[in-house]
């Protein structure tokens, strides 16, 4: 999807932005489209840029070796890709896809729990490991995910990745949700009062 031409990306951005304003059905002609873009130029440009990098994150996730869900992450600063990462076993270790089974799944661990039992590094973690602190300061990380059945996966970083993102200097987190970019909140973790 990252090989979309500029016009395809612009059309997709217009769809996303006009749907946000609930006026998608009123844009029927090229004249309507040009007027909409003129009225929402900066937002359409931002969504186009976000979609572009999210499509690259979707391409990156195709390298994932997880048997449950695949994630891709792309760190961008000043409109330049700094680093990419996908979820998979650390260098030198056997991937779950090569073993043919997931240890957490074999133990009956529900999705989203007991990450410490997983051999894989997360996409966000891998992208952060492969970039310098200076490159990440003020950057944006784009996250896309897909479940093994092909349905979209929740791009919200886990608590471990959330901490790494905050400490890395990354200031914006964008996830692919319902086909469009969404700013993800990593300001405060959910806390359980004891």
Protein backbone atom coordinates (compact mmCIF):
# COMPACT_ATOMS: atom_id res chain seq x y z
CA UNK A 1 0.00 0.00 0.00
CA UNK A 2 2.94 2.39 0.45
CA UNK A 3 3.28 2.58 -3.35
CA UNK A 4 0.02 4.50 -3.72
CA UNK A 5 0.36 7.55 -5.92
CA UNK A 6 -0.18 11.03 -4.54
CA UNK A 7 -3.72 11.36 -5.93
CA UNK A 8 -4.81 8.04 -4.39
CA UNK A 9 -3.38 9.14 -1.05
CA UNK A 10 -5.14 12.51 -1.34
CA UNK A 11 -8.47 10.82 -2.17
CA UNK A 12 -8.08 8.53 0.84
CA UNK A 13 -7.26 11.51 3.08
CA UNK A 14 -10.32 13.39 1.81
CA UNK A 15 -12.47 10.35 2.61
CA UNK A 16 -11.05 10.16 6.14
CA UNK A 17 -11.42 13.89 6.88
CA UNK A 18 -14.88 14.25 5.30
CA UNK A 19 -16.08 11.21 7.26
CA UNK A 20 -14.88 12.91 10.46
CA UNK A 21 -17.08 15.89 9.59
CA UNK A 22 -19.95 13.57 8.60
CA UNK A 23 -20.21 15.20 5.17
CA UNK A 24 -18.65 12.39 3.14
CA UNK A 25 -21.86 11.77 1.14
CA UNK A 26 -22.08 15.42 0.05
CA UNK A 27 -18.76 15.27 -1.86
CA UNK A 28 -19.88 14.00 -5.24
CA UNK A 29 -17.94 15.99 -7.86
CA UNK A 30 -14.38 17.18 -8.41
CA UNK A 31 -15.60 20.72 -7.69
CA UNK A 32 -16.96 19.54 -4.31
CA UNK A 33 -13.65 17.81 -3.63
CA UNK A 34 -11.57 20.91 -4.48
CA UNK A 35 -13.76 23.12 -2.27
CA UNK A 36 -13.50 20.65 0.61
CA UNK A 37 -9.71 20.50 0.28
CA UNK A 38 -9.48 24.30 0.16
CA UNK A 39 -11.55 24.57 3.35
CA UNK A 40 -9.60 21.81 5.17
CA UNK A 41 -6.17 22.07 3.53
CA UNK A 42 -3.95 21.62 6.60
CA UNK A 43 -6.01 18.75 8.00
CA UNK A 44 -6.02 16.95 4.63
CA UNK A 45 -2.23 17.43 4.34
CA UNK A 46 -1.69 16.02 7.84
CA UNK A 47 -3.95 13.03 7.17
CA UNK A 48 -2.20 12.40 3.83
CA UNK A 49 1.19 12.37 5.58
CA UNK A 50 -0.13 10.17 8.39
CA UNK A 51 -1.71 7.72 5.94
CA UNK A 52 1.51 7.56 3.92
CA UNK A 53 3.55 6.52 6.96
CA UNK A 54 0.82 4.18 8.25
CA UNK A 55 0.85 2.42 4.87
CA UNK A 56 4.60 1.97 5.26
CA UNK A 57 3.99 0.55 8.77
CA UNK A 58 1.53 -1.90 7.15
CA UNK A 59 4.26 -2.97 4.73
CA UNK A 60 6.71 -3.38 7.63
CA UNK A 61 4.28 -5.57 9.59
CA UNK A 62 4.39 -8.11 6.77
CA UNK A 63 7.83 -9.13 8.12
CA UNK A 64 6.39 -10.01 11.55
CA UNK A 65 6.93 -13.57 12.73
CA UNK A 66 4.20 -13.67 15.41
CA UNK A 67 1.49 -16.31 15.08
CA UNK A 68 -1.19 -14.22 16.84
CA UNK A 69 -0.94 -10.73 15.37
CA UNK A 70 1.46 -8.71 13.29
CA UNK A 71 2.55 -5.14 14.00
CA UNK A 72 4.71 -2.64 12.17
CA UNK A 73 6.08 0.65 13.52
CA UNK A 74 7.76 3.54 11.74
CA UNK A 75 9.51 6.42 13.50
CA UNK A 76 9.48 9.68 11.55
CA UNK A 77 11.16 13.01 12.30
CA UNK A 78 11.00 16.07 10.06
CA UNK A 79 9.21 14.02 7.39
CA UNK A 80 12.12 11.53 7.24
CA UNK A 81 11.96 7.88 8.29
CA UNK A 82 14.33 7.33 11.19
CA UNK A 83 13.64 3.67 11.94
CA UNK A 84 11.21 0.80 11.38
CA UNK A 85 10.39 -2.28 13.41
CA UNK A 86 8.08 -5.28 13.47
CA UNK A 87 7.24 -7.81 16.17
CA UNK A 88 9.41 -10.91 16.21
CA UNK A 89 12.00 -12.86 18.16
CA UNK A 90 15.27 -11.13 19.07
CA UNK A 91 18.23 -11.58 16.74
CA UNK A 92 19.63 -15.10 16.94
CA UNK A 93 16.52 -16.64 18.51
CA UNK A 94 14.05 -18.89 16.74
CA UNK A 95 10.84 -17.19 15.64
CA UNK A 96 7.46 -18.62 16.63
CA UNK A 97 6.58 -18.86 12.93
CA UNK A 98 9.62 -21.12 12.46
CA UNK A 99 8.75 -23.22 15.52
CA UNK A 100 5.14 -23.52 14.40
CA UNK A 101 3.63 -22.62 17.76
CA UNK A 102 3.18 -19.73 20.19
CA UNK A 103 4.31 -20.50 23.77
CA UNK A 104 1.75 -18.10 25.29
CA UNK A 105 -1.03 -19.65 23.24
CA UNK A 106 0.12 -23.16 24.22
CA UNK A 107 -0.08 -22.11 27.89
CA UNK A 108 -3.59 -20.74 27.38
CA UNK A 109 -2.58 -17.13 28.09
CA UNK A 110 -5.29 -14.73 26.85
CA UNK A 111 -4.34 -12.12 24.28
CA UNK A 112 -2.97 -8.92 25.83
CA UNK A 113 -1.75 -10.58 29.03
CA UNK A 114 1.55 -11.91 30.40
CA UNK A 115 3.79 -10.33 27.76
CA UNK A 116 6.82 -11.38 29.79
CA UNK A 117 6.18 -14.96 28.58
CA UNK A 118 6.45 -13.91 24.93
CA UNK A 119 9.78 -14.41 23.17
CA UNK A 120 9.08 -11.59 20.67
CA UNK A 121 10.13 -7.96 20.80
CA UNK A 122 7.29 -5.57 19.96
CA UNK A 123 7.35 -3.45 16.81
CA UNK A 124 7.66 -0.22 18.80
CA UNK A 125 10.52 -1.70 20.81
CA UNK A 126 12.39 -2.81 17.68
CA UNK A 127 11.98 0.56 15.99
CA UNK A 128 13.22 2.39 19.12
CA UNK A 129 16.21 0.05 19.53
CA UNK A 130 17.32 0.80 15.96
CA UNK A 131 17.31 4.61 16.30
CA UNK A 132 19.46 7.06 18.23
CA UNK A 133 18.06 9.20 21.03
CA UNK A 134 18.73 12.35 19.00
CA UNK A 135 16.82 11.00 16.00
CA UNK A 136 13.78 10.21 18.16
CA UNK A 137 13.63 13.49 20.07
CA UNK A 138 10.44 15.23 18.86
CA UNK A 139 9.57 12.40 16.44
CA UNK A 140 6.31 10.60 15.63
CA UNK A 141 5.83 6.84 15.73
CA UNK A 142 3.26 5.27 13.39
CA UNK A 143 1.80 1.88 14.39
CA UNK A 144 -0.30 -0.53 12.33
CA UNK A 145 -1.45 -4.00 13.30
CA UNK A 146 -3.40 -6.93 11.94
CA UNK A 147 -4.67 -10.08 13.62
CA UNK A 148 -3.89 -13.42 12.04
CA UNK A 149 -7.48 -13.65 10.77
CA UNK A 150 -6.88 -10.43 8.80
CA UNK A 151 -8.91 -8.11 11.02
CA UNK A 152 -7.30 -4.88 12.23
CA UNK A 153 -5.45 -5.13 15.56
CA UNK A 154 -5.51 -2.46 18.24
CA UNK A 155 -2.48 -0.17 17.70
CA UNK A 156 -2.45 1.15 21.28
CA UNK A 157 1.03 0.47 22.70
CA UNK A 158 1.26 -1.87 25.68
CA UNK A 159 2.47 -0.43 28.98
CA UNK A 160 6.07 -1.57 28.36
CA UNK A 161 6.19 0.05 24.91
CA UNK A 162 4.42 3.15 26.24
CA UNK A 163 7.27 3.66 28.71
CA UNK A 164 9.90 3.18 26.01
CA UNK A 165 8.13 5.62 23.69
CA UNK A 166 7.98 8.27 26.41
CA UNK A 167 11.63 7.80 27.42
CA UNK A 168 12.81 7.83 23.80
CA UNK A 169 11.69 11.42 23.23
CA UNK A 170 8.95 10.53 20.74
CA UNK A 171 6.17 13.10 21.16
CA UNK A 172 3.36 11.78 18.96
CA UNK A 173 1.90 8.31 18.51
CA UNK A 174 -0.38 7.63 15.54
CA UNK A 175 -2.23 4.36 15.06
CA UNK A 176 -4.23 2.95 12.18
CA UNK A 177 -7.83 2.67 13.43
CA UNK A 178 -10.82 1.96 11.17
CA UNK A 179 -8.70 2.69 8.09
CA UNK A 180 -7.57 6.12 9.24
CA UNK A 181 -4.95 7.77 11.42
CA UNK A 182 -5.75 8.33 15.10
CA UNK A 183 -3.57 10.13 17.64
CA UNK A 184 -3.07 7.66 20.48
CA UNK A 185 -2.88 8.85 24.06
CA UNK A 186 0.15 7.64 26.01
CA UNK A 187 0.15 10.39 28.63
CA UNK A 188 -0.90 8.31 31.64
CA UNK A 189 -1.20 4.56 32.07
CA UNK A 190 -4.35 3.04 33.49
CA UNK A 191 -3.81 2.64 37.22
CA UNK A 192 -5.43 0.25 39.63
CA UNK A 193 -5.98 1.64 43.09
CA UNK A 194 -4.96 -0.79 45.84
